[in-house]
């Protein structure tokens, strides 16, 4: 193989790897969550993680039997949530919220959140569009 051919092949390999990396880092809704397993959770915020590619809200949910379950709720990207009205002070520990979303396919206490409602009735849309999530008309960009 000539030096020129080696450079071309090296460039193709590096290019292919750089294109594959973002696909591995981000998942589609349907890869992890089940549109046929809607959840409605009421809980107290324990922690909010403003990380890419998705923000995560950790909430303690008190079940009917009194046991407390810690749920992780995935939202959109931090930038998307900020544009929808979320700030770093919106979900401080101790804040009580209601979340509508979809449970993880593996049955764990993990969900993809669609709507978040505060106790005073304010709502924030937290789901991400275009990822395979159910089109239910709640996403303002679906209209």
Protein backbone atom coordinates (compact mmCIF):
# COMPACT_ATOMS: atom_id res chain seq x y z
CA UNK A 1 0.00 0.00 0.00
CA UNK A 2 1.38 3.41 -0.90
CA UNK A 3 1.69 6.30 1.55
CA UNK A 4 -1.16 8.08 -0.26
CA UNK A 5 -3.46 5.07 0.03
CA UNK A 6 -2.56 4.68 3.72
CA UNK A 7 -3.48 8.32 4.36
CA UNK A 8 -6.82 7.89 2.58
CA UNK A 9 -7.67 4.74 4.57
CA UNK A 10 -6.57 6.39 7.82
CA UNK A 11 -8.77 9.38 7.08
CA UNK A 12 -11.75 7.15 6.30
CA UNK A 13 -11.32 5.15 9.50
CA UNK A 14 -10.98 8.28 11.67
CA UNK A 15 -13.99 9.85 9.95
CA UNK A 16 -16.11 6.74 10.47
CA UNK A 17 -15.17 6.56 14.13
CA UNK A 18 -15.96 10.22 14.73
CA UNK A 19 -19.40 9.79 13.16
CA UNK A 20 -20.15 6.70 15.24
CA UNK A 21 -19.25 8.28 18.61
CA UNK A 22 -22.30 10.59 18.90
CA UNK A 23 -24.63 7.73 18.00
CA UNK A 24 -23.29 5.68 20.88
CA UNK A 25 -23.51 8.58 23.33
CA UNK A 26 -27.19 9.34 22.71
CA UNK A 27 -30.09 6.91 22.71
CA UNK A 28 -33.53 6.98 21.18
CA UNK A 29 -36.58 6.90 23.46
CA UNK A 30 -37.60 3.44 22.22
CA UNK A 31 -34.20 1.97 23.04
CA UNK A 32 -34.72 2.44 26.78
CA UNK A 33 -38.32 3.44 27.53
CA UNK A 34 -41.69 1.80 26.85
CA UNK A 35 -44.50 3.90 25.38
CA UNK A 36 -46.95 1.28 26.72
CA UNK A 37 -45.85 1.80 30.34
CA UNK A 38 -47.01 5.29 31.30
CA UNK A 39 -46.23 6.40 34.86
CA UNK A 40 -47.64 9.19 37.03
CA UNK A 41 -45.29 9.92 39.90
CA UNK A 42 -45.68 12.33 42.81
CA UNK A 43 -42.50 12.81 44.76
CA UNK A 44 -40.01 15.04 46.46
CA UNK A 45 -36.95 16.21 44.56
CA UNK A 46 -33.76 14.76 46.03
CA UNK A 47 -31.33 15.90 43.34
CA UNK A 48 -31.29 17.50 39.91
CA UNK A 49 -28.46 16.62 37.53
CA UNK A 50 -27.87 19.19 34.78
CA UNK A 51 -25.78 16.92 32.57
CA UNK A 52 -25.67 16.22 28.83
CA UNK A 53 -27.13 14.62 26.85
CA UNK A 54 -30.12 14.52 29.26
CA UNK A 55 -30.85 16.12 32.60
CA UNK A 56 -31.98 13.78 35.39
CA UNK A 57 -34.33 14.46 38.29
CA UNK A 58 -34.10 12.12 41.28
CA UNK A 59 -37.31 11.97 43.33
CA UNK A 60 -38.51 10.03 46.36
CA UNK A 61 -41.99 8.64 45.74
CA UNK A 62 -44.02 7.41 48.72
CA UNK A 63 -46.04 4.38 47.69
CA UNK A 64 -49.50 3.41 49.00
CA UNK A 65 -47.91 0.94 51.44
CA UNK A 66 -45.67 3.67 52.89
CA UNK A 67 -42.46 2.46 51.26
CA UNK A 68 -40.37 5.09 49.52
CA UNK A 69 -38.99 4.45 46.04
CA UNK A 70 -36.24 6.57 44.53
CA UNK A 71 -37.00 7.26 40.85
CA UNK A 72 -34.73 8.76 38.21
CA UNK A 73 -36.61 10.83 35.63
CA UNK A 74 -34.91 11.75 32.37
CA UNK A 75 -35.62 15.12 30.81
CA UNK A 76 -34.39 16.89 27.72
CA UNK A 77 -30.98 18.48 27.43
CA UNK A 78 -30.15 21.17 30.00
CA UNK A 79 -30.28 23.83 27.26
CA UNK A 80 -33.70 22.65 26.09
CA UNK A 81 -35.06 22.62 29.65
CA UNK A 82 -33.69 26.12 30.24
CA UNK A 83 -35.50 27.39 27.11
CA UNK A 84 -38.72 25.79 28.41
CA UNK A 85 -38.54 27.67 31.70
CA UNK A 86 -36.42 25.48 33.95
CA UNK A 87 -33.63 27.11 35.93
CA UNK A 88 -31.11 25.70 38.38
CA UNK A 89 -33.45 26.94 41.14
CA UNK A 90 -36.64 25.37 39.71
CA UNK A 91 -36.12 21.97 41.27
CA UNK A 92 -34.32 22.40 44.54
CA UNK A 93 -34.20 19.45 46.95
CA UNK A 94 -37.47 19.27 48.88
CA UNK A 95 -39.66 20.52 46.00
CA UNK A 96 -42.76 18.34 45.55
CA UNK A 97 -43.59 17.60 41.91
CA UNK A 98 -45.80 15.37 39.80
CA UNK A 99 -44.28 13.78 36.70
CA UNK A 100 -46.06 12.09 33.80
CA UNK A 101 -43.83 9.91 31.69
CA UNK A 102 -42.91 6.44 30.55
CA UNK A 103 -41.12 3.73 32.51
CA UNK A 104 -37.90 2.05 31.45
CA UNK A 105 -38.29 -1.18 29.50
CA UNK A 106 -36.29 -3.09 32.10
CA UNK A 107 -38.86 -2.26 34.81
CA UNK A 108 -36.44 -0.27 36.96
CA UNK A 109 -37.46 2.92 38.75
CA UNK A 110 -36.37 5.01 35.81
CA UNK A 111 -38.66 7.03 33.54
CA UNK A 112 -38.59 9.42 30.62
CA UNK A 113 -40.52 12.49 31.78
CA UNK A 114 -43.05 14.28 29.57
CA UNK A 115 -44.75 16.81 31.87
CA UNK A 116 -43.73 18.11 35.27
CA UNK A 117 -46.35 19.78 37.48
CA UNK A 118 -45.60 21.79 40.61
CA UNK A 119 -47.93 21.73 43.62
CA UNK A 120 -49.22 25.20 42.67
CA UNK A 121 -50.34 23.87 39.27
CA UNK A 122 -47.54 25.32 37.12
CA UNK A 123 -46.49 22.93 34.36
CA UNK A 124 -43.27 22.48 32.48
CA UNK A 125 -42.84 20.25 29.44
CA UNK A 126 -39.70 18.20 29.92
CA UNK A 127 -39.86 15.55 27.22
CA UNK A 128 -37.73 15.55 24.15
CA UNK A 129 -39.13 15.41 20.63
CA UNK A 130 -37.91 13.42 17.71
CA UNK A 131 -36.51 10.59 19.80
CA UNK A 132 -39.31 8.08 19.29
CA UNK A 133 -41.38 9.24 22.26
CA UNK A 134 -45.14 8.96 21.75
CA UNK A 135 -46.63 11.87 19.85
CA UNK A 136 -49.40 12.87 22.21
CA UNK A 137 -49.82 16.56 21.41
CA UNK A 138 -48.23 17.75 24.67
CA UNK A 139 -44.99 18.78 22.97
CA UNK A 140 -45.45 22.37 21.73
CA UNK A 141 -43.28 21.57 18.68
CA UNK A 142 -45.67 18.79 17.52
CA UNK A 143 -48.37 21.26 16.53
